[in-house]
């Protein structure tokens, strides 16, 4: 799906990272938080990576869904959060748009182009195949979403809750042994999912992008008040 057909307001952003490019929207994601915690989804078991030494790596990232023709991005993402997380989400607009592509990590001022609802983070990756019909890049559009009620997964494989005040500690490691992580007083697992004791959890997709912004010094993980 054409990225600018979904977010036409960003055609006006005068930046070489967006202007004049052929971009295809790949998926939508939410990095969700409330006053005290961040919340992340565990990947479905079919995507777990099982190594020959019997260690299992489980991806942990944002709430993710895809957009179909005729759907609006934010209502579609919010519908997923209501159905799969049983929580009421809220959009918090920001003037800045974070963009990651290859080795580039930039912050764009898009305060004049917030409506309709604009994502706060774009992750651009090269298409897997070549050819004349291929776009310049595939885009994951990510929103920072505030939750009004504590979530509980039903349509999601499981969720990881991390206290906001300890997010820097969580993101400092490339991956965590699940036993060690859940022994921390600031991390807990939500849902009835059973994980192998030898498993590791590792940031993927939206959470990996958030970790990179933090490591680049572009995004303050811990802030005061209810905004991310």
Foldseek 3Di string as FASTA:
>chain_A
DFPCVQQVLCCPFPDPVDHPFTEAEDWEFEFEDWQWKTKWFKDDPVPWDADPVREIEIAIETDIDHDDPPDHPPVVSQVCCCVFWVWHKDADDDQWAWEDEDPDTDIGGNNVRCPPHAARYKYWYADPDDDPPGTRTYIYGYHHIYTPDGTAGDPTLKMKMFTLVCVVVVLVDQKAQPVVQCVDPGMDIHDDHDDDNSYIYGYDDHVVVVSVCVVVVNDDSDDHDTDD
